[in-house]
Every structure is written in C-alpha cells, then in structure tokens.
C-alpha cells in the first residue's frame, strides 16, 4: 500500500485546468450524473460563522464519489469579503482527498482555483443545456470578480461565440478592469460597461450573476421579459417573484433550499417547491426539458462532489507529470 502524501500547489492546478477546460467541464458533468444516479454522498455544507464578523465565513464541504475514480474528501473554503479592499482575493481554500478504501488522506490541493473551475464548469454546462447552442448575441456579467473571470474564460475556452459582452459591477473600476484585462476583444464585436444592473439584465441573452450580494436586490420580473438564460451563480441576487415567473433548474433540490438562497426564499414564499422544474443532470439525461417561453434560471448551490471530481483529475495529472510535492513520511507511524 502506498501511503505517500502529495501537496499540489496552485500554479500546477492552474496549468492543468487551463490546459484542458473542456475536460474539466466533462468531469463536472460526470459528477452531476453520478449524483443523480445516487453514486455520491454529499451532506449539507457546514458553516463556521462569526457573530462579531457577520460577512466572514468558512465552509466545510465533505463528500464522497464512488465508481472507477472513487474518492472521498473535504473542501475547506473561507470567504472574507474585506480581503478585496486589502488587495487580495476574497476566498481561500484547501481540498483534502481521502482514499476510498482506507480513509487515509493522500493529497492536499490548493482549492480556490478548483472551486472557481468547478463553478465555471457548472455554469458552462447550465448555459449549454439551457440555450441549446454555444452561441449568444449578448453575454451580461453582473459582479466582475474572480468567479466571473473563470466563467468567462471557460465560456471562451470551450468555444462559445459571443457578439457583445455587457459588464456591471458596484465598483465601476472593476468592470473597466474586467473589460480591459479579461475580455478577449478579438472574440467580440462589442464590449461595454453599464452603470446599473437593470440595463445589464435587459440587454443580456445569457446573464451571469456572480456577486457577493447577501440578499435579493433584483425584484422586477419585467426585467426578464425577453426570456434570457440566467446563471444564478451567487444565488441571492434574485427575489422570489422573479423565480416564480421563470423556469427553474437547480443542481440539487434539497441542497439549494437553505441558507436563504433565492430558491430557499421562494420556497418560503410559495410554501412548496413546485416552481423547480428539474435538475441539470435531468436536462443532460433528457428527462427534463426547458421552457423557452419564460426566463430560464439555473441556480446551482455547488456540491462537494464537484470539487472531488475536479480535484481527483488534477491530482492524477499532477502526479503523472511529476509536479506534486511528495511527502513519503507524512504518516510517521507508517514510515518507521
């Protein structure tokens, strides 16, 4: 039995993921299908909250994925919004992978990149299955931080065609920076920044919500009269009246109905979950379909099995190329 322990740094993880974004998306899709087939264990996320710092939190996402690439593990991810004003990212994370047979951990990976990549992979899958084609006239992105960048890069890296990009951020300089430093100008006819969220919503055929909003601020269903596809990644931007007027797809019905997400608030308002029309895995399997006569909203809560699927793939790539830091005596009792 090999009891080596590998540490895999963010630079390596970035290289593996950005070298093959299509494979990353495929791994996320396979994890969704495994979850739908009940080949996963994905308990509720556990939130470490601080009464004196209500905006800060650290979240534990334990999970297990069976099958040929079976693995268990946990992502430990912090969100400290004030970090942005200090000049470094809001989120930091590690992912620990455990052997499916012995339970021994065999790797620790920098996980902010894995988390962003699996979120982007989920967004691309949602966009693909809800639009039906990898092309839109206009892509709106509300909230222009790290997650938005990854979603944009994954859309571009998997061959999407976008005529116009519309950017909005509460900090206008962030939208300008995104337009200047992130957007691939040769891939678009037009790139604009707009001063208000209403303009971004009305102008977008595919809309990405990637903010840190703690509560809904978009209340008017009329903003969505043009029936866009909405990737509700940040989960708390939309008020219940918007979801009730829309066709709703989620990743996992039980998981998304908590922590005052938009679907959770909608369940409280409606008293039921009948506004949910299916899961992303059901769309992939063909057992659910989208209704294009209404706005289509994808609200993925984000599941630990997605981190495991991407993390296991990255681990294998890093080890096979000799880019992991191997610690042979990590478990002292086994090394004597």
Protein backbone atom coordinates (compact mmCIF):
# COMPACT_ATOMS: atom_id res chain seq x y z
CA UNK A 1 0.00 0.00 0.00
CA UNK A 2 1.38 3.42 -0.99
CA UNK A 3 0.97 5.86 1.89
CA UNK A 4 2.69 8.81 0.20
CA UNK A 5 1.07 12.18 0.68
CA UNK A 6 1.09 14.74 -2.13
CA UNK A 7 0.80 18.52 -1.91
CA UNK A 8 -0.22 20.23 -5.14
CA UNK A 9 0.29 23.96 -5.48
CA UNK A 10 -1.98 26.48 -7.14
CA UNK A 11 0.37 27.11 -10.06
CA UNK A 12 0.23 23.45 -11.06
CA UNK A 13 -3.54 23.33 -10.63
CA UNK A 14 -3.96 26.42 -12.78
CA UNK A 15 -1.83 24.87 -15.53
CA UNK A 16 -3.72 21.57 -15.55
CA UNK A 17 -7.16 23.17 -15.62
CA UNK A 18 -6.44 25.89 -18.17
CA UNK A 19 -4.73 23.43 -20.48
CA UNK A 20 -7.98 21.49 -20.89
CA UNK A 21 -11.10 23.35 -19.82
CA UNK A 22 -13.30 21.04 -21.88
CA UNK A 23 -12.12 18.07 -19.81
CA UNK A 24 -12.81 19.99 -16.61
CA UNK A 25 -16.38 20.65 -17.77
CA UNK A 26 -16.75 16.97 -18.66
CA UNK A 27 -15.63 15.93 -15.17
CA UNK A 28 -18.20 18.26 -13.62
CA UNK A 29 -20.92 16.83 -15.86
CA UNK A 30 -19.95 13.27 -14.95
CA UNK A 31 -20.16 14.18 -11.26
CA UNK A 32 -23.66 15.58 -11.75
CA UNK A 33 -24.75 12.38 -13.47
CA UNK A 34 -23.18 10.27 -10.71
CA UNK A 35 -25.04 12.33 -8.13
CA UNK A 36 -28.33 11.86 -9.99
CA UNK A 37 -27.62 8.10 -10.06
CA UNK A 38 -27.10 8.16 -6.27
CA UNK A 39 -23.43 7.20 -6.57
CA UNK A 40 -22.36 10.01 -4.29
CA UNK A 41 -22.60 11.03 -0.67
CA UNK A 42 -22.98 14.78 -0.40
CA UNK A 43 -24.02 16.01 3.07
CA UNK A 44 -25.00 19.56 3.82
CA UNK A 45 -22.25 22.14 3.86
CA UNK A 46 -21.18 23.22 7.34
CA UNK A 47 -20.80 26.94 8.00
CA UNK A 48 -18.40 28.38 10.55
CA UNK A 49 -19.87 31.82 11.27
CA UNK A 50 -18.58 34.63 13.47
CA UNK A 51 -21.12 36.71 15.45
CA UNK A 52 -18.81 39.74 15.51
CA UNK A 53 -17.99 39.46 11.77
CA UNK A 54 -21.24 38.51 10.01
CA UNK A 55 -19.81 38.88 6.50
CA UNK A 56 -17.00 36.37 7.12
CA UNK A 57 -17.44 32.60 7.00
CA UNK A 58 -15.55 29.36 6.49
CA UNK A 59 -17.41 26.46 4.91
CA UNK A 60 -16.70 22.72 5.04
CA UNK A 61 -17.97 20.61 2.13
CA UNK A 62 -17.48 16.88 2.80
CA UNK A 63 -18.38 14.42 0.06
CA UNK A 64 -17.71 11.01 -1.44
CA UNK A 65 -17.76 9.85 -5.05
CA UNK A 66 -17.91 6.15 -5.90
CA UNK A 67 -17.00 4.35 -9.09
CA UNK A 68 -13.76 3.93 -11.02
CA UNK A 69 -12.38 7.26 -9.83
CA UNK A 70 -13.87 6.88 -6.36
CA UNK A 71 -12.60 9.30 -3.75
CA UNK A 72 -13.74 10.93 -0.53
CA UNK A 73 -12.66 14.26 0.84
CA UNK A 74 -13.48 17.72 2.06
CA UNK A 75 -13.12 21.26 0.82
CA UNK A 76 -12.44 23.89 3.48
CA UNK A 77 -13.11 27.30 1.93
CA UNK A 78 -13.16 30.72 3.55
CA UNK A 79 -14.93 33.84 2.34
CA UNK A 80 -13.71 37.13 3.78
CA UNK A 81 -15.09 39.96 1.58
CA UNK A 82 -12.88 42.62 3.17
CA UNK A 83 -9.85 40.87 1.69
CA UNK A 84 -10.63 42.56 -1.62
CA UNK A 85 -10.00 46.01 -0.17
CA UNK A 86 -6.75 44.66 1.27
CA UNK A 87 -5.57 43.79 -2.20
CA UNK A 88 -6.00 40.01 -2.33
CA UNK A 89 -8.85 37.61 -3.16
CA UNK A 90 -11.90 37.15 -1.00
CA UNK A 91 -11.73 33.33 -0.94
CA UNK A 92 -9.03 30.85 0.01
CA UNK A 93 -9.35 27.09 0.23
CA UNK A 94 -7.77 23.67 0.50
CA UNK A 95 -9.08 20.31 -0.70
CA UNK A 96 -8.12 17.08 1.07
CA UNK A 97 -8.57 13.81 -0.82
CA UNK A 98 -9.07 10.54 1.07
CA UNK A 99 -8.55 7.00 -0.22
CA UNK A 100 -11.92 5.34 -0.79
CA UNK A 101 -10.81 2.02 0.79
CA UNK A 102 -8.62 3.00 3.77
CA UNK A 103 -9.85 6.52 4.51
CA UNK A 104 -6.25 7.75 4.60
CA UNK A 105 -5.76 11.22 3.10
CA UNK A 106 -3.39 11.07 0.15
CA UNK A 107 -3.35 14.64 -1.14
CA UNK A 108 -3.88 18.27 -0.22
CA UNK A 109 -4.55 20.70 -3.05
CA UNK A 110 -4.86 24.46 -3.18
CA UNK A 111 -8.57 24.69 -3.84
CA UNK A 112 -9.61 28.24 -4.62
CA UNK A 113 -8.77 27.51 -8.26
CA UNK A 114 -10.52 24.12 -8.14
CA UNK A 115 -13.57 25.75 -6.57
CA UNK A 116 -13.66 28.50 -9.19
CA UNK A 117 -13.12 25.99 -12.01
CA UNK A 118 -15.87 23.63 -10.90
CA UNK A 119 -18.20 26.62 -10.53
CA UNK A 120 -17.29 27.75 -14.03
CA UNK A 121 -17.71 24.22 -15.34
CA UNK A 122 -21.17 24.09 -13.78
CA UNK A 123 -22.06 27.45 -15.34
CA UNK A 124 -20.91 26.34 -18.81
CA UNK A 125 -22.95 23.15 -18.52
CA UNK A 126 -26.00 25.15 -17.49
CA UNK A 127 -25.54 27.57 -20.37
CA UNK A 128 -25.02 24.75 -22.85
CA UNK A 129 -28.07 22.73 -21.86
CA UNK A 130 -30.39 25.70 -21.40
CA UNK A 131 -29.51 27.63 -24.57
CA UNK A 132 -29.07 24.56 -26.76
CA UNK A 133 -26.08 26.02 -28.61
CA UNK A 134 -22.70 27.57 -27.72
CA UNK A 135 -23.57 30.96 -29.15
CA UNK A 136 -25.40 34.02 -27.81
CA UNK A 137 -25.87 37.51 -29.09
CA UNK A 138 -25.16 39.13 -25.73
CA UNK A 139 -23.50 37.96 -22.51
CA UNK A 140 -24.12 40.03 -19.39
CA UNK A 141 -21.94 39.62 -16.31
CA UNK A 142 -23.06 41.22 -13.05
CA UNK A 143 -20.26 41.12 -10.48
CA UNK A 144 -16.86 41.20 -12.14
CA UNK A 145 -14.59 39.35 -9.70
CA UNK A 146 -12.71 36.05 -9.73
CA UNK A 147 -15.69 33.75 -10.32
CA UNK A 148 -16.92 35.92 -13.18
CA UNK A 149 -13.47 35.76 -14.73
CA UNK A 150 -13.40 31.99 -14.56
CA UNK A 151 -16.87 31.67 -16.06
CA UNK A 152 -15.93 34.00 -18.91
CA UNK A 153 -12.64 32.16 -19.53
CA UNK A 154 -14.40 28.80 -19.53
CA UNK A 155 -17.02 30.01 -21.99
CA UNK A 156 -14.30 31.29 -24.30
CA UNK A 157 -12.07 28.25 -23.69
CA UNK A 158 -14.83 25.83 -24.67
CA UNK A 159 -15.61 27.57 -27.94
CA UNK A 160 -18.53 29.86 -27.17
CA UNK A 161 -19.29 32.65 -29.61
CA UNK A 162 -20.50 35.92 -28.08
CA UNK A 163 -21.20 39.06 -30.08
CA UNK A 164 -21.48 41.52 -27.21
CA UNK A 165 -20.27 41.49 -23.58
CA UNK A 166 -22.07 43.70 -21.06
CA UNK A 167 -20.38 44.27 -17.69
CA UNK A 168 -21.68 45.72 -14.45
CA UNK A 169 -20.10 45.93 -11.00
CA UNK A 170 -20.91 48.07 -7.97
CA UNK A 171 -17.31 49.24 -8.23
CA UNK A 172 -17.14 50.65 -11.78
CA UNK A 173 -13.36 50.32 -11.84
CA UNK A 174 -13.76 46.54 -11.52
CA UNK A 175 -15.97 46.41 -14.60
CA UNK A 176 -13.47 48.57 -16.51
CA UNK A 177 -10.61 46.31 -15.38
CA UNK A 178 -12.53 43.23 -16.49
CA UNK A 179 -13.15 44.77 -19.90
CA UNK A 180 -9.52 45.78 -20.24
CA UNK A 181 -7.68 42.79 -18.76
CA UNK A 182 -10.01 39.78 -19.02
CA UNK A 183 -12.16 40.15 -22.12
CA UNK A 184 -10.75 38.82 -25.37
CA UNK A 185 -11.50 41.74 -27.66
CA UNK A 186 -10.91 39.80 -30.84
CA UNK A 187 -13.71 37.40 -29.88
CA UNK A 188 -16.45 40.05 -29.60
CA UNK A 189 -17.99 42.76 -31.71
CA UNK A 190 -18.59 44.98 -28.70
CA UNK A 191 -17.65 45.20 -25.00
CA UNK A 192 -19.45 47.71 -22.79
CA UNK A 193 -19.72 48.58 -19.11
CA UNK A 194 -23.06 49.79 -17.79
CA UNK A 195 -23.80 51.78 -14.62
CA UNK A 196 -26.86 49.89 -13.41
CA UNK A 197 -27.94 46.27 -13.09
CA UNK A 198 -31.27 46.90 -14.83
CA UNK A 199 -29.50 47.74 -18.10
CA UNK A 200 -27.34 44.64 -17.82
CA UNK A 201 -30.36 42.40 -17.26
CA UNK A 202 -32.47 43.87 -20.07
CA UNK A 203 -29.60 43.71 -22.57
CA UNK A 204 -28.44 40.13 -21.96
CA UNK A 205 -29.45 36.96 -23.73
CA UNK A 206 -27.21 35.00 -21.34
CA UNK A 207 -26.86 36.60 -17.91
CA UNK A 208 -24.29 35.63 -15.28
CA UNK A 209 -24.88 36.74 -11.68
CA UNK A 210 -21.60 36.43 -9.79
CA UNK A 211 -21.79 38.86 -6.88
CA UNK A 212 -21.42 38.61 -3.11
CA UNK A 213 -24.91 40.02 -2.50
CA UNK A 214 -26.31 38.80 0.86
CA UNK A 215 -29.95 39.37 -0.09
CA UNK A 216 -32.09 39.87 -3.22
CA UNK A 217 -31.95 43.26 -4.93
CA UNK A 218 -33.50 42.34 -8.31
CA UNK A 219 -37.26 42.29 -7.76
CA UNK A 220 -38.92 43.16 -11.06
CA UNK A 221 -39.86 40.14 -13.23
CA UNK A 222 -40.46 42.60 -16.07
CA UNK A 223 -36.70 43.00 -16.48
CA UNK A 224 -36.68 39.42 -17.81
CA UNK A 225 -39.49 39.85 -20.35
CA UNK A 226 -37.09 38.94 -23.17
CA UNK A 227 -36.72 35.42 -21.63
CA UNK A 228 -32.96 35.25 -21.06
CA UNK A 229 -30.99 32.32 -19.68
CA UNK A 230 -29.77 33.29 -16.22
CA UNK A 231 -26.85 31.64 -14.44
CA UNK A 232 -27.73 32.44 -10.83
CA UNK A 233 -24.27 31.59 -9.53
CA UNK A 234 -24.24 33.88 -6.50
CA UNK A 235 -27.70 32.58 -5.55
CA UNK A 236 -29.00 35.61 -3.64
CA UNK A 237 -29.47 38.34 -6.25
CA UNK A 238 -33.00 37.40 -7.37
CA UNK A 239 -36.19 37.95 -5.38
CA UNK A 240 -38.84 35.19 -5.18
CA UNK A 241 -41.17 37.00 -7.59
CA UNK A 242 -38.54 36.63 -10.32
CA UNK A 243 -38.16 32.89 -9.78
CA UNK A 244 -41.92 32.37 -9.59
CA UNK A 245 -42.25 33.91 -13.06
CA UNK A 246 -39.45 31.76 -14.50
CA UNK A 247 -38.49 28.20 -15.46
CA UNK A 248 -36.11 26.96 -12.75
CA UNK A 249 -33.30 24.42 -12.95
CA UNK A 250 -31.09 23.56 -9.94
CA UNK A 251 -28.23 21.18 -9.21
CA UNK A 252 -29.81 19.51 -6.17
CA UNK A 253 -33.26 20.44 -4.91
CA UNK A 254 -32.61 19.71 -1.24
CA UNK A 255 -29.23 21.42 -1.09
CA UNK A 256 -30.29 24.65 -2.76
CA UNK A 257 -33.23 25.13 -0.37
CA UNK A 258 -31.20 26.52 2.52
CA UNK A 259 -29.13 29.47 3.72
CA UNK A 260 -31.67 31.96 2.35
CA UNK A 261 -30.75 31.43 -1.27
CA UNK A 262 -33.20 32.78 -3.83
CA UNK A 263 -34.79 29.31 -4.24
CA UNK A 264 -34.98 28.94 -0.45
CA UNK A 265 -36.73 32.32 -0.11
CA UNK A 266 -39.04 31.33 -2.95
CA UNK A 267 -39.93 28.09 -1.19
CA UNK A 268 -40.78 30.08 1.93
CA UNK A 269 -42.92 32.45 -0.10
CA UNK A 270 -44.73 29.77 -2.11
CA UNK A 271 -44.95 27.14 0.62
CA UNK A 272 -43.75 24.46 -1.77
CA UNK A 273 -41.07 23.55 -4.31
CA UNK A 274 -43.25 23.17 -7.37
CA UNK A 275 -41.52 26.17 -9.02
CA UNK A 276 -38.45 23.93 -9.58
CA UNK A 277 -38.73 22.28 -12.99
CA UNK A 278 -35.74 19.92 -12.90
CA UNK A 279 -32.04 19.45 -12.29
CA UNK A 280 -29.08 19.96 -14.59
CA UNK A 281 -28.48 16.18 -14.61
CA UNK A 282 -32.07 15.60 -15.70
CA UNK A 283 -31.55 18.03 -18.57
CA UNK A 284 -28.42 16.10 -19.56
CA UNK A 285 -30.32 12.81 -19.41
CA UNK A 286 -33.30 14.14 -21.32
CA UNK A 287 -35.77 13.51 -18.50
CA UNK A 288 -36.36 17.26 -18.10
CA UNK A 289 -36.72 20.00 -20.70
CA UNK A 290 -36.54 23.77 -20.64
CA UNK A 291 -39.45 26.09 -21.35
CA UNK A 292 -38.16 28.81 -23.68
CA UNK A 293 -41.38 30.84 -23.36
CA UNK A 294 -40.18 32.02 -19.93
CA UNK A 295 -36.88 33.18 -18.42
CA UNK A 296 -34.75 30.14 -17.60
CA UNK A 297 -32.81 30.32 -14.33
CA UNK A 298 -30.09 27.89 -13.27
CA UNK A 299 -29.40 28.06 -9.52
CA UNK A 300 -26.51 25.73 -8.57
CA UNK A 301 -25.81 25.57 -4.84
CA UNK A 302 -22.44 23.96 -5.52
CA UNK A 303 -21.69 20.47 -4.25
CA UNK A 304 -18.60 18.93 -2.72
CA UNK A 305 -18.66 16.05 -5.21
CA UNK A 306 -17.82 18.54 -7.96
CA UNK A 307 -14.69 19.61 -6.12
CA UNK A 308 -13.75 15.96 -5.64
CA UNK A 309 -14.23 15.15 -9.32
CA UNK A 310 -12.09 18.06 -10.49
CA UNK A 311 -9.57 17.59 -7.67
CA UNK A 312 -9.10 13.90 -8.43
CA UNK A 313 -8.48 14.67 -12.11
CA UNK A 314 -5.98 17.42 -11.27
CA UNK A 315 -4.22 15.17 -8.76
CA UNK A 316 -3.75 12.40 -11.32
CA UNK A 317 -2.43 14.85 -13.91
CA UNK A 318 0.00 16.43 -11.45
CA UNK A 319 1.33 13.09 -10.18
CA UNK A 320 1.74 11.64 -13.68
CA UNK A 321 3.77 14.68 -14.73
CA UNK A 322 5.83 14.74 -11.51
CA UNK A 323 4.53 18.15 -10.45
CA UNK A 324 3.33 17.16 -6.97
CA UNK A 325 5.38 17.63 -3.80
CA UNK A 326 5.67 14.09 -2.42
CA UNK A 327 5.97 13.53 1.35
CA UNK A 328 6.84 9.90 1.98
CA UNK A 329 6.93 10.13 5.80
CA UNK A 330 3.81 12.24 6.34
CA UNK A 331 2.28 9.43 8.40
CA UNK A 332 5.04 8.86 10.94
CA UNK A 333 3.80 5.52 12.33
CA UNK A 334 3.77 4.06 8.82
CA UNK A 335 7.24 5.32 7.90
CA UNK A 336 9.18 3.63 10.72
